[in-house]
Protein backbone atom coordinates (compact mmCIF):
# COMPACT_ATOMS: atom_id res chain seq x y z
CA MET A 1 4.06 -76.91 45.15
CA ALA A 2 5.96 -77.22 41.88
CA ILE A 3 8.46 -80.01 41.26
CA VAL A 4 11.94 -78.47 40.97
CA LYS A 5 15.19 -79.86 39.64
CA SER A 6 17.08 -79.37 42.90
CA GLU A 7 14.90 -81.91 44.75
CA ILE A 8 15.52 -84.46 41.99
CA ILE A 9 19.26 -83.89 42.37
CA SER A 10 18.93 -84.28 46.15
CA PHE A 11 17.11 -87.58 45.66
CA TRP A 12 19.84 -88.74 43.26
CA ASN A 13 22.51 -87.90 45.83
CA GLN A 14 20.73 -89.97 48.46
CA SER A 15 19.84 -92.91 46.22
CA ARG A 16 23.22 -93.16 44.46
CA LYS A 17 25.48 -91.73 47.18
CA GLY A 18 26.31 -88.83 44.89
CA GLY A 19 27.60 -85.36 45.60
CA LEU A 20 26.01 -83.18 42.94
CA SER A 21 25.25 -79.54 43.67
CA ASP A 22 21.69 -78.21 43.48
CA THR A 23 22.47 -76.49 40.19
CA SER A 24 24.35 -79.35 38.55
CA GLU A 25 23.48 -80.16 34.92
CA VAL A 26 24.75 -83.75 35.14
CA LEU A 27 21.22 -85.16 35.40
CA ASP A 28 19.58 -82.88 32.83
CA GLU A 29 19.50 -85.46 30.04
CA ALA A 30 18.09 -88.19 32.31
CA ILE A 31 15.45 -85.83 33.70
CA GLN A 32 14.39 -84.83 30.18
CA VAL A 33 14.22 -88.47 29.06
CA CYS A 34 11.99 -89.18 32.06
CA LEU A 35 9.73 -86.20 31.28
CA ASP A 36 9.51 -87.32 27.64
CA ASP A 37 8.68 -90.88 28.69
CA LEU A 38 5.86 -89.70 30.95
CA SER A 39 4.41 -87.41 28.31
CA ASN A 40 4.52 -90.28 25.80
CA SER A 41 2.12 -92.05 28.15
CA ASN A 42 -0.50 -89.28 27.84
CA PHE A 43 -0.04 -87.87 31.31
CA LEU A 44 0.37 -84.22 30.35
CA LYS A 45 -2.78 -82.44 29.20
CA ALA A 46 -3.24 -78.90 27.96
CA SER A 47 -5.78 -76.64 26.29
CA ASP A 48 -5.41 -74.16 23.45
CA THR A 49 -7.84 -71.23 23.29
CA ASP A 50 -5.72 -68.95 21.10
CA GLN A 51 -7.12 -69.95 17.71
CA THR A 52 -10.27 -68.57 16.10
CA LEU A 53 -12.35 -69.52 13.10
CA ASP A 54 -14.01 -67.15 10.67
CA ASN A 55 -16.15 -67.65 7.58
CA THR A 56 -13.07 -68.02 5.38
CA SER A 57 -11.41 -70.67 7.56
CA LEU A 58 -11.09 -74.36 6.85
CA THR A 59 -8.55 -75.48 9.44
CA LEU A 60 -7.16 -75.25 12.94
CA ASP A 61 -3.45 -75.80 13.62
CA TYR A 62 -1.99 -78.35 15.99
CA PRO A 63 -1.30 -76.58 19.32
CA THR A 64 2.23 -76.16 20.64
CA LEU A 65 3.91 -79.47 21.62
CA TYR A 66 0.79 -81.34 20.47
CA LYS A 67 0.84 -85.12 20.85
CA SER A 68 -2.75 -86.29 20.41
CA LEU A 69 -6.29 -85.03 20.83
CA MET A 70 -8.30 -85.90 23.90
CA ASP A 71 -11.77 -87.41 23.40
CA GLY A 72 -14.17 -84.65 22.46
CA GLY A 73 -11.20 -82.30 22.37
CA ILE A 74 -12.31 -79.68 19.79
CA ILE A 75 -15.07 -77.40 21.02
CA LEU A 76 -16.39 -74.33 19.21
CA ASN A 77 -18.25 -71.40 20.75
CA ASP A 78 -20.56 -69.30 18.59
CA GLY A 79 -20.34 -66.28 20.88
CA SER A 80 -23.01 -67.40 23.29
CA VAL A 81 -22.75 -71.16 23.94
CA ASP A 82 -20.32 -74.03 23.54
CA LEU A 83 -21.33 -76.37 20.74
CA GLN A 84 -21.06 -80.15 20.87
CA PRO A 85 -17.47 -81.41 20.49
CA LEU A 86 -16.50 -82.19 16.90
CA THR A 87 -16.41 -85.82 15.77
CA LYS A 88 -13.42 -87.27 13.92
CA ILE A 89 -13.77 -88.64 10.38
CA SER A 90 -11.18 -90.07 8.02
CA TRP A 91 -9.17 -87.92 5.63
CA ARG A 92 -10.76 -89.83 2.74
CA ASP A 93 -14.27 -89.05 3.98
CA TYR A 94 -13.35 -85.40 4.40
CA LYS A 95 -12.04 -85.15 0.84
CA ASN A 96 -15.18 -86.82 -0.51
CA MET A 97 -17.37 -84.35 1.38
CA MET A 98 -15.34 -81.39 0.14
CA ARG A 99 -15.73 -82.49 -3.49
CA SER A 100 -19.39 -81.57 -3.33
CA PHE A 101 -18.84 -78.42 -1.26
CA ASN A 102 -19.61 -74.94 -2.53
CA SER A 103 -19.37 -71.57 -0.80
CA GLY A 104 -23.09 -71.44 -0.19
CA MET A 105 -22.88 -74.53 2.02
CA ARG A 106 -20.90 -72.91 4.84
CA SER A 107 -22.61 -73.82 8.08
CA ILE A 108 -21.90 -75.14 11.58
CA PRO A 109 -18.84 -77.44 11.68
CA SER A 110 -19.60 -80.83 13.20
CA VAL A 111 -16.71 -83.08 12.15
CA TYR A 112 -12.98 -82.87 11.53
CA ALA A 113 -10.22 -84.80 9.79
CA VAL A 114 -6.49 -84.71 10.45
CA ASN A 115 -3.79 -84.08 7.86
CA ASP A 116 -0.39 -82.36 7.77
CA GLU A 117 -0.57 -81.21 11.42
CA LYS A 118 -3.91 -79.50 10.95
CA PHE A 119 -7.55 -80.18 11.81
CA TYR A 120 -9.79 -79.81 8.73
CA LEU A 121 -13.37 -78.91 9.64
CA TYR A 122 -16.63 -79.72 7.89
CA ASN A 123 -18.91 -78.00 7.28
CA PRO A 124 -16.58 -75.07 6.74
CA PRO A 125 -17.82 -72.41 9.18
CA GLY A 126 -20.41 -69.89 8.14
CA GLN A 127 -19.61 -67.47 10.97
CA ASP A 128 -16.88 -66.64 13.49
CA TYR A 129 -16.15 -69.04 16.33
CA THR A 130 -13.79 -69.10 19.26
CA THR A 131 -12.17 -72.47 19.82
CA GLU A 132 -11.00 -74.68 22.66
CA ILE A 133 -8.73 -77.64 21.94
CA TRP A 134 -7.99 -80.16 24.70
CA TYR A 135 -4.99 -82.34 23.96
CA TRP A 136 -2.20 -84.50 25.31
CA LYS A 137 1.13 -82.73 24.90
CA TYR A 138 4.84 -83.41 24.91
CA HIS A 139 6.88 -81.85 27.68
CA ALA A 140 8.94 -78.83 26.67
CA LYS A 141 12.71 -79.30 26.46
CA ASP A 142 13.26 -77.51 29.75
CA VAL A 143 14.18 -79.38 32.94
CA ASP A 144 14.13 -76.13 34.92
CA ALA A 145 10.38 -75.73 34.35
CA ILE A 146 8.81 -79.11 35.08
CA GLU A 147 5.18 -79.12 33.95
CA PHE A 148 3.92 -82.20 35.77
CA SER A 149 1.81 -81.77 38.90
CA ASP A 150 2.83 -82.84 42.39
CA GLU A 151 1.54 -86.41 42.16
CA PHE A 152 4.28 -87.15 39.61
CA ARG A 153 7.06 -86.21 42.04
CA ASN A 154 8.08 -89.79 42.85
CA ALA A 155 7.72 -90.93 39.25
CA ILE A 156 10.16 -88.23 38.11
CA LYS A 157 12.62 -88.98 40.91
CA TYR A 158 12.56 -92.74 40.31
CA GLY A 159 12.61 -92.31 36.54
CA THR A 160 15.58 -89.98 36.61
CA VAL A 161 17.64 -92.41 38.69
CA PHE A 162 16.58 -95.27 36.41
CA PHE A 163 17.40 -93.50 33.14
CA LYS A 164 20.69 -92.06 34.44
CA SER A 165 21.71 -95.53 35.64
CA MET A 166 20.85 -96.92 32.21
CA LEU A 167 22.90 -94.20 30.52
CA GLN A 168 25.82 -95.09 32.78
CA GLY A 169 25.43 -98.81 32.09
CA ASN A 170 24.87 -99.42 35.81
CA MET A 171 22.40 -102.30 35.68
CA LYS A 172 22.45 -102.81 39.45
CA TYR A 173 20.68 -99.51 40.06
CA ALA A 174 18.66 -99.67 36.85
CA GLN A 175 17.14 -102.97 38.01
CA ILE A 176 16.24 -101.41 41.36
CA TRP A 177 14.69 -98.18 40.12
CA GLY A 178 13.19 -99.38 36.83
CA PRO A 179 10.40 -101.43 38.48
CA MET A 180 9.71 -98.61 40.96
CA PHE A 181 9.37 -96.14 38.08
CA ALA A 182 7.08 -98.54 36.20
CA ASN A 183 4.91 -98.99 39.30
CA GLU A 184 4.60 -95.23 39.78
CA LYS A 185 3.49 -94.83 36.16
CA LYS A 186 0.92 -97.57 36.71
CA MET A 187 -0.42 -95.81 39.81
CA ARG A 188 -0.62 -92.48 37.98
CA ARG A 189 -2.47 -94.15 35.10
CA LEU A 190 -5.00 -95.70 37.48
CA THR A 191 -5.54 -92.35 39.15
CA GLN A 192 -5.92 -90.60 35.82
CA ASN A 193 -8.56 -93.08 34.65
CA THR A 194 -10.79 -91.99 37.55
CA GLN A 195 -10.83 -88.37 36.39
CA PRO A 196 -13.94 -87.08 34.57
CA GLY A 197 -13.79 -86.52 30.82
CA ILE A 198 -14.54 -83.33 28.95
CA VAL A 199 -18.24 -82.59 28.92
CA LYS A 200 -19.46 -79.57 26.97
CA GLY A 201 -22.67 -78.37 25.40
């Protein structure tokens, strides 16, 4: 079941003795700040399968709302099997490798470097590949379409009350709900650390 704004408003009304309607926009900023805070903690993952590589390509773009790459997050498929995830190298190493590159050296990419919101691959590909990029993302600026899964329900409720109380300068309630929000984030982090990583190839 998706987390919806109306239940966050209902929780606010109960916790702060408020009287907001289900469609009120009074909490929108606090909800968004909470969603941003959670996504800053690498709780929101996504995959991008829309990009392709061909034998003239050198780069892949950052996906939409990209924050950081997950371990082993760039995987190429040669049309039949997934290859081993690419390994990160420094931008300096990439430039040094490209200095000795010529068009006859196009082959299977095995490493990447990051620069200017792009992934630069080496070796540059010698054929077409489909791609899969697993990454941590920022939440979209849309409190009416909450992307977090059900286990974050309490974190979002507590966080919204905390951030709204902070915005109001109401330290009484901020001091109540801040620790509860922090504890929920801790619990979600512990749960996340038990999840399996990406294994391909």
